[in-house]
Amino acid sequence: MRILQIIPSISLVYGGPSQMVLGLSGALARSAVEVTIITTNSNGDAGQAPLDVPLDRAVEQDGYQIRYFPCAPFRRYKFSLDLLKWLSQHASEFDLAHIHALFSPVCSLAATVARSHHLPYILRPLGTLDPADLRKKRRLKQIYAAFLEKPNIAGAAAIHFTSQQEAKVSERFGVKTRDLVIPLGVTAEEKRDTEAFSIANSRSPMLLYLSRIEPKKGLDLLIPALENLLAEGIDFHFVLAGANPQDPDYEGKIKAQIQASPLGYHTTITGFVGGDRKASLLQNADLFVLPSYYENFGIAVAEAMVAGKPVVISDGVYIWEDIQNAEAGWICSLTVESLTEKLRLALRDEGERKRRGLNAQEYALKQYSWDAIAQQTIQAYQEIFSSTIMTK
């Protein structure tokens, strides 16, 4: 099969959803699927230089191809007219397109182009159909949906959700859809040098937050919960690992709040981490925390689990039921009190942390393996391709 993956950007600046496409493409390629990714050279919306990559030329990587296009004429929205022109010229060379992101102009118009060339496509919303997300810029999104996304959803061969809860809550604008629920994957990291990233006060249990620093992640719940635990005399060292180049003001506000608090003495703020530094943090952590208000999957949670770490997450992270059933962590509601309670339980019981960490790793290696996910995805591709052939 010849599969086209379409995404606005695969820069690290945009976090896990962009990187997921690389993991999926590599796993598909290992199963003899021909994969081409088309994307832009966007590297952030806050004045960052674009990615230093060849443009409109096939770049070989891990058994698949990536073709980058310049952001023009609207760099701010990761839009590329050249990408759309290329798609129009080459759509007939592919069996199916997998489009990652809604409410993104280049993806919205890519779906329109695919439809005009009778190229079947799957849409992956990345949480953009969640009611909480749709409330942001609500009026503008209503207009956008009416003219672009509703027709795109209606014309899609399927909608790819990454959790049952995401599929359950997502808006379809009155359109009946075929839903695919296929989780994201993670790669188990090899053991790294534990000195690659040293943390002060390392004798205390390390509590790790490793995600983008943005309002939806629940840091307004986490910081007061940690302050409560300190007031109770509970020992821990908090590591805040992450950044937000898209909203540096919010990132600065969170850092300043921690530094002005008694929590500051018990906290290490790392900024963005990747590679060996990220692997070292995951290896050395005792507990992972992510109290998001909504999270269609939570790739950072899965990464912590595959590293053998128990997790404390909110029921806004849509894989929470899987984690609860696997006894892989603790689930809180979206209140400071509930989060404080679950963190207290986890930090006070080292034996239970280890037990749930082993459960987390076993579950993640089985359920979030890229190769297993690739097989589910290939089956969905084949069913869609076969049904398309039959209707022609």
Foldseek 3Di string as FASTA:
>chain_A
DEEEEEELDLACLVPDLSVLVVLLVLLLLVVVYAYEYEYEQQHAQQPDDGHPDDAQDWDDDNRYTYHYHYAPDDNNLSAGPVSLVVCLVCVVVGQEYEYEADPRVNSQVSLVSNVVVVHAYEYEHQLCQAPVNCVVVVVVVVVCCVVTVLVSQQRHLAYEFAFPVSVVRGDNPPHDGHYDHFHGFDDQDDDDDLVPADDPPLVWAEEEEAGAQDDQQQVVLVVVLVVVCVVVVQTYAYEYEEYNSNCNPSVVVSVVVCCVGPNVVRYDYDYHDDDRNVSSCLLSHLEYETAGQAGSACVVLLNSLLSLWAYEYEVNHVCVVVLVVLLQYHYAHSHSVRSSVRVVVSSVDSPSRNVSSNSSNVCNCVRRHSNVSSVSVVVVSVVSSVVSVVVD
